PDB file of N, CA and C in Angstrom:
ATOM      1  N   MET A   1       2.337  26.238  26.433  1.00  0.00           N
ATOM      2  CA  MET A   1       0.956  26.618  26.573  1.00  0.00           C
ATOM      3  C   MET A   1       0.282  26.704  25.209  1.00  0.00           C
ATOM      4  N   ALA A   2       1.046  27.129  24.213  1.00  0.00           N
ATOM      5  CA  ALA A   2       0.482  27.218  22.868  1.00  0.00           C
ATOM      6  C   ALA A   2       0.151  25.828  22.333  1.00  0.00           C
ATOM      7  N   ASP A   3       0.934  24.821  22.732  1.00  0.00           N
ATOM      8  CA  ASP A   3       0.679  23.455  22.282  1.00  0.00           C
ATOM      9  C   ASP A   3      -0.672  22.949  22.779  1.00  0.00           C
ATOM     10  N   GLU A   4      -1.018  23.349  23.983  1.00  0.00           N
ATOM     11  CA  GLU A   4      -2.313  22.930  24.536  1.00  0.00           C
ATOM     12  C   GLU A   4      -3.455  23.470  23.695  1.00  0.00           C
ATOM     13  N   PHE A   5      -3.339  24.748  23.283  1.00  0.00           N
ATOM     14  CA  PHE A   5      -4.403  25.352  22.492  1.00  0.00           C
ATOM     15  C   PHE A   5      -4.497  24.714  21.113  1.00  0.00           C
ATOM     16  N   GLU A   6      -3.335  24.373  20.519  1.00  0.00           N
ATOM     17  CA  GLU A   6      -3.350  23.722  19.214  1.00  0.00           C
ATOM     18  C   GLU A   6      -4.013  22.357  19.301  1.00  0.00           C
ATOM     19  N   THR A   7      -3.696  21.602  20.333  1.00  0.00           N
ATOM     20  CA  THR A   7      -4.286  20.277  20.506  1.00  0.00           C
ATOM     21  C   THR A   7      -5.784  20.379  20.735  1.00  0.00           C
ATOM     22  N   VAL A   8      -6.187  21.311  21.573  1.00  0.00           N
ATOM     23  CA  VAL A   8      -7.607  21.492  21.855  1.00  0.00           C
ATOM     24  C   VAL A   8      -8.339  21.956  20.619  1.00  0.00           C
ATOM     25  N   SER A   9      -7.756  22.895  19.859  1.00  0.00           N
ATOM     26  CA  SER A   9      -8.432  23.397  18.664  1.00  0.00           C
ATOM     27  C   SER A   9      -8.533  22.304  17.597  1.00  0.00           C
ATOM     28  N   GLU A  10      -7.504  21.468  17.477  1.00  0.00           N
ATOM     29  CA  GLU A  10      -7.567  20.369  16.517  1.00  0.00           C
ATOM     30  C   GLU A  10      -8.648  19.374  16.908  1.00  0.00           C
ATOM     31  N   ASP A  11      -8.762  19.103  18.204  1.00  0.00           N
ATOM     32  CA  ASP A  11      -9.806  18.197  18.677  1.00  0.00           C
ATOM     33  C   ASP A  11     -11.182  18.762  18.395  1.00  0.00           C
ATOM     34  N   VAL A  12     -11.356  20.056  18.584  1.00  0.00           N
ATOM     35  CA  VAL A  12     -12.647  20.696  18.338  1.00  0.00           C
ATOM     36  C   VAL A  12     -12.995  20.623  16.860  1.00  0.00           C
ATOM     37  N   VAL A  13     -12.021  20.873  16.014  1.00  0.00           N
ATOM     38  CA  VAL A  13     -12.254  20.822  14.566  1.00  0.00           C
ATOM     39  C   VAL A  13     -12.627  19.403  14.141  1.00  0.00           C
ATOM     40  N   GLU A  14     -11.875  18.419  14.630  1.00  0.00           N
ATOM     41  CA  GLU A  14     -12.175  17.024  14.288  1.00  0.00           C
ATOM     42  C   GLU A  14     -13.562  16.622  14.775  1.00  0.00           C
ATOM     43  N   GLN A  15     -13.936  17.060  15.976  1.00  0.00           N
ATOM     44  CA  GLN A  15     -15.253  16.731  16.521  1.00  0.00           C
ATOM     45  C   GLN A  15     -16.343  17.377  15.685  1.00  0.00           C
ATOM     46  N   ALA A  16     -16.123  18.624  15.251  1.00  0.00           N
ATOM     47  CA  ALA A  16     -17.110  19.312  14.419  1.00  0.00           C
ATOM     48  C   ALA A  16     -17.283  18.597  13.084  1.00  0.00           C
ATOM     49  N   LYS A  17     -16.175  18.148  12.494  1.00  0.00           N
ATOM     50  CA  LYS A  17     -16.262  17.412  11.231  1.00  0.00           C
ATOM     51  C   LYS A  17     -17.007  16.095  11.423  1.00  0.00           C
ATOM     52  N   ALA A  18     -16.736  15.416  12.507  1.00  0.00           N
ATOM     53  CA  ALA A  18     -17.411  14.148  12.775  1.00  0.00           C
ATOM     54  C   ALA A  18     -18.902  14.363  12.994  1.00  0.00           C
ATOM     55  N   ASP A  19     -19.276  15.427  13.730  1.00  0.00           N
ATOM     56  CA  ASP A  19     -20.696  15.724  13.957  1.00  0.00           C
ATOM     57  C   ASP A  19     -21.397  16.048  12.648  1.00  0.00           C
ATOM     58  N   LYS A  20     -20.727  16.827  11.793  1.00  0.00           N
ATOM     59  CA  LYS A  20     -21.329  17.197  10.511  1.00  0.00           C
ATOM     60  C   LYS A  20     -21.502  15.962   9.622  1.00  0.00           C
ATOM     61  N   ALA A  21     -20.501  15.073   9.622  1.00  0.00           N
ATOM     62  CA  ALA A  21     -20.570  13.855   8.812  1.00  0.00           C
ATOM     63  C   ALA A  21     -21.665  12.931   9.327  1.00  0.00           C
ATOM     64  N   ALA A  22     -21.888  12.906  10.633  1.00  0.00           N
ATOM     65  CA  ALA A  22     -22.909  12.022  11.206  1.00  0.00           C
ATOM     66  C   ALA A  22     -24.308  12.485  10.823  1.00  0.00           C
ATOM     67  N   LYS A  23     -24.474  13.770  10.561  1.00  0.00           N
ATOM     68  CA  LYS A  23     -25.787  14.304  10.212  1.00  0.00           C
ATOM     69  C   LYS A  23     -26.155  14.030   8.767  1.00  0.00           C
ATOM     70  N   ARG A  24     -25.164  13.716   7.934  1.00  0.00           N
ATOM     71  CA  ARG A  24     -25.443  13.447   6.524  1.00  0.00           C
ATOM     72  C   ARG A  24     -26.125  12.099   6.371  1.00  0.00           C
ATOM     73  N   GLY A  25     -26.961  11.997   5.359  1.00  0.00           N
ATOM     74  CA  GLY A  25     -27.598  10.730   5.054  1.00  0.00           C
ATOM     75  C   GLY A  25     -26.647   9.828   4.290  1.00  0.00           C
ATOM     76  N   PRO A  26     -27.048   8.572   4.079  1.00  0.00           N
ATOM     77  CA  PRO A  26     -26.140   7.639   3.387  1.00  0.00           C
ATOM     78  C   PRO A  26     -25.876   8.045   1.942  1.00  0.00           C
ATOM     79  N   ILE A  27     -26.856   8.597   1.262  1.00  0.00           N
ATOM     80  CA  ILE A  27     -26.643   8.998  -0.138  1.00  0.00           C
ATOM     81  C   ILE A  27     -25.686  10.187  -0.197  1.00  0.00           C
ATOM     82  N   ALA A  28     -25.828  11.122   0.727  1.00  0.00           N
ATOM     83  CA  ALA A  28     -24.935  12.279   0.749  1.00  0.00           C
ATOM     84  C   ALA A  28     -23.509  11.860   1.072  1.00  0.00           C
ATOM     85  N   ARG A  29     -23.347  10.880   1.947  1.00  0.00           N
ATOM     86  CA  ARG A  29     -21.990  10.411   2.281  1.00  0.00           C
ATOM     87  C   ARG A  29     -21.350   9.718   1.091  1.00  0.00           C
ATOM     88  N   VAL A  30     -22.122   8.916   0.361  1.00  0.00           N
ATOM     89  CA  VAL A  30     -21.581   8.246  -0.830  1.00  0.00           C
ATOM     90  C   VAL A  30     -21.229   9.275  -1.890  1.00  0.00           C
ATOM     91  N   SER A  31     -22.087  10.274  -2.059  1.00  0.00           N
ATOM     92  CA  SER A  31     -21.822  11.337  -3.027  1.00  0.00           C
ATOM     93  C   SER A  31     -20.552  12.093  -2.656  1.00  0.00           C
ATOM     94  N   LEU A  32     -20.389  12.415  -1.389  1.00  0.00           N
ATOM     95  CA  LEU A  32     -19.182  13.102  -0.932  1.00  0.00           C
ATOM     96  C   LEU A  32     -17.950  12.244  -1.181  1.00  0.00           C
ATOM     97  N   PHE A  33     -18.059  10.954  -0.933  1.00  0.00           N
ATOM     98  CA  PHE A  33     -16.934  10.045  -1.168  1.00  0.00           C
ATOM     99  C   PHE A  33     -16.485  10.107  -2.623  1.00  0.00           C
ATOM    100  N   PHE A  34     -17.437  10.010  -3.570  1.00  0.00           N
ATOM    101  CA  PHE A  34     -17.059  10.019  -4.983  1.00  0.00           C
ATOM    102  C   PHE A  34     -16.519  11.375  -5.412  1.00  0.00           C
ATOM    103  N   LYS A  35     -17.042  12.455  -4.848  1.00  0.00           N
ATOM    104  CA  LYS A  35     -16.498  13.783  -5.155  1.00  0.00           C
ATOM    105  C   LYS A  35     -15.047  13.873  -4.700  1.00  0.00           C
ATOM    106  N   GLN A  36     -14.768  13.350  -3.512  1.00  0.00           N
ATOM    107  CA  GLN A  36     -13.402  13.380  -3.005  1.00  0.00           C
ATOM    108  C   GLN A  36     -12.480  12.479  -3.819  1.00  0.00           C
ATOM    109  N   VAL A  37     -12.991  11.363  -4.314  1.00  0.00           N
ATOM    110  CA  VAL A  37     -12.189  10.478  -5.166  1.00  0.00           C
ATOM    111  C   VAL A  37     -11.792  11.199  -6.445  1.00  0.00           C
ATOM    112  N   VAL A  38     -12.754  11.904  -7.067  1.00  0.00           N
ATOM    113  CA  VAL A  38     -12.468  12.630  -8.302  1.00  0.00           C
ATOM    114  C   VAL A  38     -11.442  13.727  -8.038  1.00  0.00           C
ATOM    115  N   ILE A  39     -11.580  14.439  -6.927  1.00  0.00           N
ATOM    116  CA  ILE A  39     -10.628  15.495  -6.586  1.00  0.00           C
ATOM    117  C   ILE A  39      -9.229  14.910  -6.418  1.00  0.00           C
ATOM    118  N   GLU A  40      -9.113  13.769  -5.747  1.00  0.00           N
ATOM    119  CA  GLU A  40      -7.803  13.147  -5.552  1.00  0.00           C
ATOM    120  C   GLU A  40      -7.228  12.630  -6.868  1.00  0.00           C
ATOM    121  N   LEU A  41      -8.074  12.095  -7.742  1.00  0.00           N
ATOM    122  CA  LEU A  41      -7.574  11.584  -9.025  1.00  0.00           C
ATOM    123  C   LEU A  41      -7.057  12.707  -9.916  1.00  0.00           C
ATOM    124  N   ARG A  42      -7.572  13.912  -9.746  1.00  0.00           N
ATOM    125  CA  ARG A  42      -7.060  15.046 -10.523  1.00  0.00           C
ATOM    126  C   ARG A  42      -5.641  15.401 -10.105  1.00  0.00           C
ATOM    127  N   LYS A  43      -5.244  15.031  -8.911  1.00  0.00           N
ATOM    128  CA  LYS A  43      -3.895  15.321  -8.415  1.00  0.00           C
ATOM    129  C   LYS A  43      -2.858  14.323  -8.919  1.00  0.00           C
ATOM    130  N   VAL A  44      -3.303  13.210  -9.488  1.00  0.00           N
ATOM    131  CA  VAL A  44      -2.396  12.146  -9.916  1.00  0.00           C
ATOM    132  C   VAL A  44      -1.622  12.590 -11.150  1.00  0.00           C
ATOM    133  N   THR A  45      -0.320  12.338 -11.141  1.00  0.00           N
ATOM    134  CA  THR A  45       0.491  12.602 -12.325  1.00  0.00           C
ATOM    135  C   THR A  45       0.857  11.266 -12.965  1.00  0.00           C
ATOM    136  N   ARG A  46       0.791  11.216 -14.257  1.00  0.00           N
ATOM    137  CA  ARG A  46       1.102   9.983 -14.970  1.00  0.00           C
ATOM    138  C   ARG A  46       2.575   9.997 -15.372  1.00  0.00           C
ATOM    139  N   PRO A  47       3.218   8.835 -15.339  1.00  0.00           N
ATOM    140  CA  PRO A  47       4.642   8.791 -15.715  1.00  0.00           C
ATOM    141  C   PRO A  47       4.800   8.957 -17.224  1.00  0.00           C
ATOM    142  N   THR A  48       5.967   9.452 -17.615  1.00  0.00           N
ATOM    143  CA  THR A  48       6.276   9.544 -19.040  1.00  0.00           C
ATOM    144  C   THR A  48       6.582   8.139 -19.556  1.00  0.00           C
ATOM    145  N   TRP A  49       6.694   8.023 -20.868  1.00  0.00           N
ATOM    146  CA  TRP A  49       6.968   6.711 -21.461  1.00  0.00           C
ATOM    147  C   TRP A  49       8.329   6.184 -20.993  1.00  0.00           C
ATOM    148  N   ALA A  50       9.312   7.051 -20.886  1.00  0.00           N
ATOM    149  CA  ALA A  50      10.645   6.620 -20.443  1.00  0.00           C
ATOM    150  C   ALA A  50      10.599   6.154 -18.984  1.00  0.00           C
ATOM    151  N   GLU A  51       9.881   6.891 -18.137  1.00  0.00           N
ATOM    152  CA  GLU A  51       9.754   6.480 -16.742  1.00  0.00           C
ATOM    153  C   GLU A  51       9.024   5.148 -16.632  1.00  0.00           C
ATOM    154  N   LEU A  52       7.992   4.971 -17.442  1.00  0.00           N
ATOM    155  CA  LEU A  52       7.216   3.733 -17.410  1.00  0.00           C
ATOM    156  C   LEU A  52       8.080   2.535 -17.790  1.00  0.00           C
ATOM    157  N   ARG A  53       8.897   2.692 -18.839  1.00  0.00           N
ATOM    158  CA  ARG A  53       9.803   1.607 -19.228  1.00  0.00           C
ATOM    159  C   ARG A  53      10.813   1.325 -18.121  1.00  0.00           C
ATOM    160  N   ASN A  54      11.338   2.368 -17.511  1.00  0.00           N
ATOM    161  CA  ASN A  54      12.321   2.204 -16.443  1.00  0.00           C
ATOM    162  C   ASN A  54      11.703   1.478 -15.251  1.00  0.00           C
ATOM    163  N   TYR A  55      10.543   1.903 -14.819  1.00  0.00           N
ATOM    164  CA  TYR A  55       9.873   1.266 -13.680  1.00  0.00           C
ATOM    165  C   TYR A  55       9.526  -0.183 -13.985  1.00  0.00           C
ATOM    166  N   THR A  56       9.096  -0.449 -15.212  1.00  0.00           N
ATOM    167  CA  THR A  56       8.764  -1.820 -15.600  1.00  0.00           C
ATOM    168  C   THR A  56      10.007  -2.700 -15.554  1.00  0.00           C
ATOM    169  N   GLY A  57      11.115  -2.185 -16.054  1.00  0.00           N
ATOM    170  CA  GLY A  57      12.366  -2.940 -16.011  1.00  0.00           C
ATOM    171  C   GLY A  57      12.817  -3.227 -14.590  1.00  0.00           C
ATOM    172  N   VAL A  58      12.673  -2.256 -13.711  1.00  0.00           N
ATOM    173  CA  VAL A  58      13.062  -2.447 -12.305  1.00  0.00           C
ATOM    174  C   VAL A  58      12.207  -3.521 -11.663  1.00  0.00           C
ATOM    175  N   VAL A  59      10.902  -3.473 -11.903  1.00  0.00           N
ATOM    176  CA  VAL A  59       9.996  -4.464 -11.310  1.00  0.00           C
ATOM    177  C   VAL A  59      10.312  -5.859 -11.848  1.00  0.00           C
ATOM    178  N   LEU A  60      10.505  -5.983 -13.142  1.00  0.00           N
ATOM    179  CA  LEU A  60      10.811  -7.293 -13.723  1.00  0.00           C
ATOM    180  C   LEU A  60      12.141  -7.836 -13.195  1.00  0.00           C
ATOM    181  N   ALA A  61      13.143  -6.976 -13.064  1.00  0.00           N
ATOM    182  CA  ALA A  61      14.429  -7.426 -12.538  1.00  0.00           C
ATOM    183  C   ALA A  61      14.278  -7.895 -11.093  1.00  0.00           C
ATOM    184  N   PHE A  62      13.516  -7.168 -10.299  1.00  0.00           N
ATOM    185  CA  PHE A  62      13.287  -7.558  -8.910  1.00  0.00           C
ATOM    186  C   PHE A  62      12.581  -8.904  -8.839  1.00  0.00           C
ATOM    187  N   VAL A  63      11.580  -9.107  -9.697  1.00  0.00           N
ATOM    188  CA  VAL A  63      10.846 -10.376  -9.704  1.00  0.00           C
ATOM    189  C   VAL A  63      11.781 -11.522 -10.085  1.00  0.00           C
ATOM    190  N   VAL A  64      12.643 -11.324 -11.048  1.00  0.00           N
ATOM    191  CA  VAL A  64      13.580 -12.374 -11.457  1.00  0.00           C
ATOM    192  C   VAL A  64      14.534 -12.702 -10.310  1.00  0.00           C
ATOM    193  N   VAL A  65      15.028 -11.700  -9.607  1.00  0.00           N
ATOM    194  CA  VAL A  65      15.946 -11.942  -8.485  1.00  0.00           C
ATOM    195  C   VAL A  65      15.228 -12.716  -7.377  1.00  0.00           C
ATOM    196  N   VAL A  66      14.007 -12.320  -7.049  1.00  0.00           N
ATOM    197  CA  VAL A  66      13.260 -13.016  -6.000  1.00  0.00           C
ATOM    198  C   VAL A  66      12.949 -14.449  -6.429  1.00  0.00           C
ATOM    199  N   MET A  67      12.596 -14.662  -7.708  1.00  0.00           N
ATOM    200  CA  MET A  67      12.342 -16.019  -8.196  1.00  0.00           C
ATOM    201  C   MET A  67      13.598 -16.878  -8.078  1.00  0.00           C
ATOM    202  N   ALA A  68      14.742 -16.322  -8.422  1.00  0.00           N
ATOM    203  CA  ALA A  68      15.993 -17.082  -8.321  1.00  0.00           C
ATOM    204  C   ALA A  68      16.296 -17.421  -6.866  1.00  0.00           C
ATOM    205  N   LEU A  69      16.085 -16.477  -5.972  1.00  0.00           N
ATOM    206  CA  LEU A  69      16.342 -16.719  -4.554  1.00  0.00           C
ATOM    207  C   LEU A  69      15.415 -17.806  -4.007  1.00  0.00           C
ATOM    208  N   ILE A  70      14.152 -17.718  -4.323  1.00  0.00           N
ATOM    209  CA  ILE A  70      13.186 -18.721  -3.844  1.00  0.00           C
ATOM    210  C   ILE A  70      13.487 -20.082  -4.477  1.00  0.00           C
ATOM    211  N   GLY A  71      13.847 -20.101  -5.762  1.00  0.00           N
ATOM    212  CA  GLY A  71      14.210 -21.354  -6.416  1.00  0.00           C
ATOM    213  C   GLY A  71      15.423 -21.994  -5.778  1.00  0.00           C
ATOM    214  N   PHE A  72      16.430 -21.186  -5.449  1.00  0.00           N
ATOM    215  CA  PHE A  72      17.622 -21.714  -4.784  1.00  0.00           C
ATOM    216  C   PHE A  72      17.279 -22.268  -3.404  1.00  0.00           C
ATOM    217  N   LEU A  73      16.489 -21.533  -2.627  1.00  0.00           N
ATOM    218  CA  LEU A  73      16.104 -22.014  -1.298  1.00  0.00           C
ATOM    219  C   LEU A  73      15.267 -23.287  -1.394  1.00  0.00           C
ATOM    220  N   ASP A  74      14.397 -23.362  -2.397  1.00  0.00           N
ATOM    221  CA  ASP A  74      13.597 -24.570  -2.606  1.00  0.00           C
ATOM    222  C   ASP A  74      14.500 -25.767  -2.887  1.00  0.00           C
ATOM    223  N   TRP A  75      15.468 -25.570  -3.774  1.00  0.00           N
ATOM    224  CA  TRP A  75      16.403 -26.654  -4.102  1.00  0.00           C
ATOM    225  C   TRP A  75      17.228 -27.052  -2.874  1.00  0.00           C
ATOM    226  N   LEU A  76      17.663 -26.039  -2.096  1.00  0.00           N
ATOM    227  CA  LEU A  76      18.459 -26.296  -0.903  1.00  0.00           C
ATOM    228  C   LEU A  76      17.664 -27.108   0.122  1.00  0.00           C
ATOM    229  N   PHE A  77      16.423 -26.745   0.381  1.00  0.00           N
ATOM    230  CA  PHE A  77      15.602 -27.484   1.334  1.00  0.00           C
ATOM    231  C   PHE A  77      15.269 -28.880   0.819  1.00  0.00           C
ATOM    232  N   TYR A  78      15.027 -29.004  -0.485  1.00  0.00           N
ATOM    233  CA  TYR A  78      14.761 -30.317  -1.077  1.00  0.00           C
ATOM    234  C   TYR A  78      15.964 -31.238  -0.887  1.00  0.00           C
ATOM    235  N   THR A  79      17.160 -30.708  -1.159  1.00  0.00           N
ATOM    236  CA  THR A  79      18.375 -31.494  -0.988  1.00  0.00           C
ATOM    237  C   THR A  79      18.572 -31.877   0.480  1.00  0.00           C
ATOM    238  N   GLY A  80      18.308 -30.949   1.383  1.00  0.00           N
ATOM    239  CA  GLY A  80      18.440 -31.237   2.803  1.00  0.00           C
ATOM    240  C   GLY A  80      17.458 -32.289   3.269  1.00  0.00           C
ATOM    241  N   VAL A  81      16.219 -32.219   2.817  1.00  0.00           N
ATOM    242  CA  VAL A  81      15.215 -33.208   3.205  1.00  0.00           C
ATOM    243  C   VAL A  81      15.569 -34.571   2.639  1.00  0.00           C
ATOM    244  N   GLN A  82      16.025 -34.597   1.392  1.00  0.00           N
ATOM    245  CA  GLN A  82      16.441 -35.877   0.794  1.00  0.00           C
ATOM    246  C   GLN A  82      17.609 -36.473   1.578  1.00  0.00           C
ATOM    247  N   TRP A  83      18.571 -35.677   1.967  1.00  0.00           N
ATOM    248  CA  TRP A  83      19.725 -36.165   2.707  1.00  0.00           C
ATOM    249  C   TRP A  83      19.323 -36.704   4.074  1.00  0.00           C
ATOM    250  N   VAL A  84      18.367 -36.006   4.738  1.00  0.00           N
ATOM    251  CA  VAL A  84      17.957 -36.437   6.069  1.00  0.00           C
ATOM    252  C   VAL A  84      17.118 -37.711   6.009  1.00  0.00           C
ATOM    253  N   PHE A  85      16.217 -37.822   5.062  1.00  0.00           N
ATOM    254  CA  PHE A  85      15.260 -38.919   5.051  1.00  0.00           C
ATOM    255  C   PHE A  85      15.625 -40.088   4.134  1.00  0.00           C
ATOM    256  N   THR A  86      16.704 -39.997   3.395  1.00  0.00           N
ATOM    257  CA  THR A  86      17.123 -41.125   2.545  1.00  0.00           C
ATOM    258  C   THR A  86      18.043 -42.020   3.359  1.00  0.00           C
ATOM    259  N   PRO A  87      17.668 -43.316   3.401  1.00  0.00           N
ATOM    260  CA  PRO A  87      18.530 -44.228   4.179  1.00  0.00           C
ATOM    261  C   PRO A  87      19.907 -44.343   3.544  1.00  0.00           C
ATOM    262  N   GLY A  88      20.921 -44.447   4.394  1.00  0.00           N
ATOM    263  CA  GLY A  88      22.304 -44.549   3.904  1.00  0.00           C
ATOM    264  C   GLY A  88      22.553 -45.909   3.263  1.00  0.00           C
ATOM    265  N   LYS A  89      23.550 -45.982   2.407  1.00  0.00           N
ATOM    266  CA  LYS A  89      23.863 -47.230   1.707  1.00  0.00           C
ATOM    267  C   LYS A  89      24.917 -47.990   2.423  1.00  0.00           C
TER     268      LYS A  89
END
């Protein structure tokens, strides 16, 4: 029974927020958007120099592995197509 009240109260809150947002003008909505962006950007933590180097190395290693895999598959398909479409001697 408590779950019903929580669901209903959440729906009421969401509806109230939607009604309030609908009453705002376009300039007020844009202003609110940028205020919320600034608030969210204040929550961002920047990595340390060591973390940044580590993450960069991981990304570069992943890219090299994917490039090698795609290069191998490209060569494999090229060889297969050549074998299928080249007339025998």
